[in-house]
Amino acid sequence: MLLSPLTPETALDELVERLVEPGWCVLPGFVPAEMARELADQARLWQNEGLLSLAAIGRGDEAQVREAIRGDLTRWLEPGMTPATDRFLALSEQLRQALNASLFLGLEELESHYALYPPGAFYKKHLDRFRDDDRRTITIVLYLNEHWLPADGGELRLYLPDGSVQDVQPELGTLVCFRSALLPHEVRVAHRERLSLTGWFLRRGEIPW
């Protein structure tokens, strides 16, 4: 199956413009429903096989599972795992190249994982950068949930620089993109299973001399 042109010019133009100001963008229907369903099916297959793990906070030797802060299950993606995830990675590569061409961000790679929130799970307010590593530059979130209702909770809440908040429903095919160091955010309590693919475009880090 060939990768379809999943980044229409108008959507990409809007994304680039809004990343400059105000620093975030929400694009409903960014990927076709068929692709989003394939990605959701793959996550649930891995879940049934016990291949999703409780997410940790921090990194390296300091990583800890703390369900009072976040309660999602994750699996990190690598090329060659499945056709569906490879299509997502190919789409992300298209997006990386487009952002570099338009914004000159020097984005070099993507790190990405599934995030499955069981009913009752959440992720408290946080930024997407580590204290000792500022390479995460752009955050992307692709939602994989059909027929999501406001009563289902699980909104992504963005805390905007002007003091207001923006809630985003995690609906099938919607892409959220924002500057990783700019916007604190949280995942509100989900009242049904909530599924997404979350990724970070990394710029070149400092060379440790």
Protein backbone atom coordinates (compact mmCIF):
# COMPACT_ATOMS: atom_id res chain seq x y z
CA MET A 1 0.00 0.00 0.00
CA LEU A 2 1.52 3.32 -1.04
CA LEU A 3 1.49 6.30 1.26
CA SER A 4 -1.24 8.70 0.18
CA PRO A 5 -0.63 12.46 0.06
CA LEU A 6 -1.77 13.01 3.65
CA THR A 7 -0.55 16.59 4.06
CA PRO A 8 -2.70 18.82 1.81
CA GLU A 9 -1.06 22.13 1.01
CA THR A 10 -3.66 24.19 2.82
CA ALA A 11 -3.40 22.13 6.03
CA LEU A 12 0.38 22.25 5.99
CA ASP A 13 0.39 26.01 5.36
CA GLU A 14 -1.94 26.53 8.32
CA LEU A 15 0.18 24.31 10.55
CA VAL A 16 3.39 26.17 9.72
CA GLU A 17 1.77 29.59 10.15
CA ARG A 18 0.23 28.71 13.52
CA LEU A 19 3.44 27.18 14.89
CA VAL A 20 5.04 30.60 14.42
CA GLU A 21 2.12 32.36 16.15
CA PRO A 22 0.42 31.33 18.46
CA GLY A 23 2.66 28.23 18.66
CA TRP A 24 0.07 25.47 18.34
CA CYS A 25 -2.33 24.03 15.76
CA VAL A 26 -5.21 21.54 15.70
CA LEU A 27 -6.02 19.86 12.38
CA PRO A 28 -9.13 17.61 12.40
CA GLY A 29 -9.08 14.83 9.82
CA PHE A 30 -5.37 15.20 9.14
CA VAL A 31 -5.08 11.48 8.37
CA PRO A 32 -7.76 9.33 6.70
CA ALA A 33 -10.02 7.34 9.01
CA GLU A 34 -8.81 4.07 7.48
CA MET A 35 -5.20 4.80 8.41
CA ALA A 36 -6.17 5.90 11.92
CA ARG A 37 -8.19 2.70 12.44
CA GLU A 38 -5.26 0.54 11.30
CA LEU A 39 -3.02 2.28 13.81
CA ALA A 40 -5.59 1.82 16.58
CA ASP A 41 -5.99 -1.88 15.74
CA GLN A 42 -2.22 -2.37 15.96
CA ALA A 43 -2.08 -0.76 19.41
CA ARG A 44 -4.87 -2.98 20.71
CA LEU A 45 -3.20 -6.06 19.26
CA TRP A 46 -0.03 -5.20 21.17
CA GLN A 47 -2.10 -4.46 24.27
CA ASN A 48 -3.70 -7.92 24.09
CA GLU A 49 -0.23 -9.44 23.71
CA GLY A 50 1.01 -7.61 26.81
CA LEU A 51 3.44 -5.43 24.85
CA LEU A 52 2.36 -2.06 26.27
CA SER A 53 4.04 -0.91 29.47
CA LEU A 54 3.19 1.62 32.17
CA ALA A 55 4.72 4.94 31.21
CA ALA A 56 7.47 6.49 33.31
CA ILE A 57 8.36 10.10 33.98
CA GLY A 58 11.95 11.26 33.60
CA ARG A 59 14.49 9.42 31.52
CA GLY A 60 17.43 7.08 31.82
CA ASP A 61 18.33 5.98 35.33
CA GLU A 62 15.95 8.59 36.79
CA ALA A 63 12.83 7.26 35.03
CA GLN A 64 10.06 6.27 37.45
CA VAL A 65 6.53 4.94 37.11
CA ARG A 66 4.31 7.32 39.08
CA GLU A 67 0.63 6.69 38.41
CA ALA A 68 -0.33 9.71 40.52
CA ILE A 69 1.18 11.82 37.71
CA ARG A 70 0.48 9.74 34.59
CA GLY A 71 -1.35 6.47 34.04
CA ASP A 72 -0.98 5.66 30.36
CA LEU A 73 0.49 2.55 28.76
CA THR A 74 3.05 3.05 26.00
CA ARG A 75 5.10 1.35 23.33
CA TRP A 76 7.89 3.14 21.50
CA LEU A 77 8.00 2.92 17.71
CA GLU A 78 10.91 1.90 15.53
CA PRO A 79 11.07 1.51 11.75
CA GLY A 80 10.08 -1.92 10.45
CA MET A 81 7.73 -2.90 13.28
CA THR A 82 4.51 -3.06 11.20
CA PRO A 83 3.22 -1.64 7.89
CA ALA A 84 0.77 0.62 9.75
CA THR A 85 3.37 2.16 12.03
CA ASP A 86 5.80 2.54 9.12
CA ARG A 87 3.16 4.58 7.28
CA PHE A 88 2.82 6.84 10.33
CA LEU A 89 6.60 7.26 10.51
CA ALA A 90 6.71 8.07 6.77
CA LEU A 91 4.02 10.72 7.24
CA SER A 92 5.96 12.15 10.18
CA GLU A 93 9.08 12.32 8.02
CA GLN A 94 7.15 14.32 5.41
CA LEU A 95 6.09 16.69 8.17
CA ARG A 96 9.65 17.00 9.55
CA GLN A 97 11.01 17.93 6.13
CA ALA A 98 8.23 20.46 5.55
CA LEU A 99 8.80 22.14 8.93
CA ASN A 100 12.53 22.36 8.29
CA ALA A 101 11.99 23.81 4.83
CA SER A 102 9.56 26.47 6.10
CA LEU A 103 10.83 27.28 9.59
CA PHE A 104 14.52 26.28 9.46
CA LEU A 105 14.25 24.43 12.77
CA GLY A 106 17.02 21.91 12.19
CA LEU A 107 14.80 19.00 13.19
CA GLU A 108 16.82 15.80 12.85
CA GLU A 109 14.66 12.92 14.04
CA LEU A 110 11.41 11.80 15.63
CA GLU A 111 10.87 9.82 18.81
CA SER A 112 7.35 8.47 19.10
CA HIS A 113 5.17 6.07 21.06
CA TYR A 114 1.61 4.85 21.41
CA ALA A 115 -0.19 6.17 24.51
CA LEU A 116 -3.19 4.19 25.74
CA TYR A 117 -5.11 5.63 28.69
CA PRO A 118 -7.39 3.11 30.46
CA PRO A 119 -10.59 4.52 32.00
CA GLY A 120 -9.63 6.70 34.96
CA ALA A 121 -6.13 7.48 33.69
CA PHE A 122 -4.71 10.98 33.20
CA TYR A 123 -1.45 12.89 32.85
CA LYS A 124 -0.93 15.94 35.06
CA LYS A 125 0.23 19.31 33.75
CA HIS A 126 3.76 19.21 32.33
CA LEU A 127 6.14 20.44 29.64
CA ASP A 128 7.56 18.12 27.00
CA ARG A 129 11.22 18.97 27.65
CA PHE A 130 13.57 17.35 30.13
CA ARG A 131 15.53 19.62 32.47
CA ASP A 132 18.83 18.27 31.14
CA ASP A 133 17.90 17.89 27.45
CA ASP A 134 16.29 20.62 25.35
CA ARG A 135 16.28 18.81 22.00
CA ARG A 136 12.49 18.25 21.91
CA THR A 137 11.29 21.11 19.72
CA ILE A 138 7.90 20.22 18.19
CA THR A 139 5.31 17.90 19.75
CA ILE A 140 2.80 16.04 17.58
CA VAL A 141 -0.21 14.02 18.76
CA LEU A 142 -2.40 11.94 16.45
CA TYR A 143 -5.69 10.75 17.96
CA LEU A 144 -7.13 7.30 17.21
CA ASN A 145 -10.54 7.30 18.95
CA GLU A 146 -13.84 6.86 17.12
CA HIS A 147 -17.12 8.45 18.20
CA TRP A 148 -15.56 10.39 21.09
CA LEU A 149 -18.08 12.38 23.16
CA PRO A 150 -17.50 15.28 25.59
CA ALA A 151 -18.74 13.04 28.40
CA ASP A 152 -15.84 10.66 27.68
CA GLY A 153 -13.37 13.22 29.10
CA GLY A 154 -9.72 12.72 28.17
CA GLU A 155 -9.30 16.16 26.62
CA LEU A 156 -5.84 17.53 25.92
CA ARG A 157 -5.73 20.82 27.81
CA LEU A 158 -3.21 23.36 26.50
CA TYR A 159 -2.19 26.20 28.83
CA LEU A 160 -1.67 29.17 26.53
CA PRO A 161 0.78 32.04 27.10
CA ASP A 162 -2.05 34.57 27.56
CA GLY A 163 -3.36 32.64 30.60
CA SER A 164 -6.28 30.98 28.82
CA VAL A 165 -6.70 27.26 28.17
CA GLN A 166 -7.65 25.33 25.04
CA ASP A 167 -9.25 21.88 25.28
CA VAL A 168 -8.89 19.45 22.36
CA GLN A 169 -11.13 16.41 21.98
CA PRO A 170 -9.10 13.26 21.10
CA GLU A 171 -11.08 12.45 17.95
CA LEU A 172 -10.08 10.00 15.23
CA GLY A 173 -7.60 11.45 12.72
CA THR A 174 -7.07 14.78 14.50
CA LEU A 175 -3.47 16.01 14.65
CA VAL A 176 -2.28 18.42 17.34
CA CYS A 177 1.07 20.12 16.87
CA PHE A 178 2.75 22.57 19.25
CA ARG A 179 6.10 23.95 20.35
CA SER A 180 7.38 21.61 23.04
CA ALA A 181 9.00 24.25 25.26
CA LEU A 182 6.15 26.76 24.99
CA LEU A 183 2.95 25.08 26.14
CA PRO A 184 2.37 23.27 29.42
CA HIS A 185 -0.43 20.77 28.95
CA GLU A 186 -2.26 17.89 30.56
CA VAL A 187 -4.50 14.97 29.68
CA ARG A 188 -7.77 15.17 31.59
CA VAL A 189 -9.22 12.05 33.18
CA ALA A 190 -10.47 9.66 30.48
CA HIS A 191 -13.76 7.89 31.16
CA ARG A 192 -13.23 5.36 28.38
CA GLU A 193 -10.12 3.94 26.73
CA ARG A 194 -8.22 6.77 25.02
CA LEU A 195 -5.59 6.10 22.37
CA SER A 196 -3.07 8.29 20.55
CA LEU A 197 0.32 8.37 18.90
CA THR A 198 2.58 10.99 20.46
CA GLY A 199 5.89 12.14 19.05
CA TRP A 200 8.60 14.75 19.37
CA PHE A 201 10.77 16.19 16.65
CA LEU A 202 14.30 16.61 18.03
CA ARG A 203 16.78 19.23 16.97
CA ARG A 204 20.53 18.71 17.16
CA GLY A 205 21.76 18.76 20.75
CA GLU A 206 24.87 20.38 22.15
CA ILE A 207 28.06 18.49 21.41
CA PRO A 208 29.48 17.20 24.77
CA TRP A 209 33.17 18.22 24.57
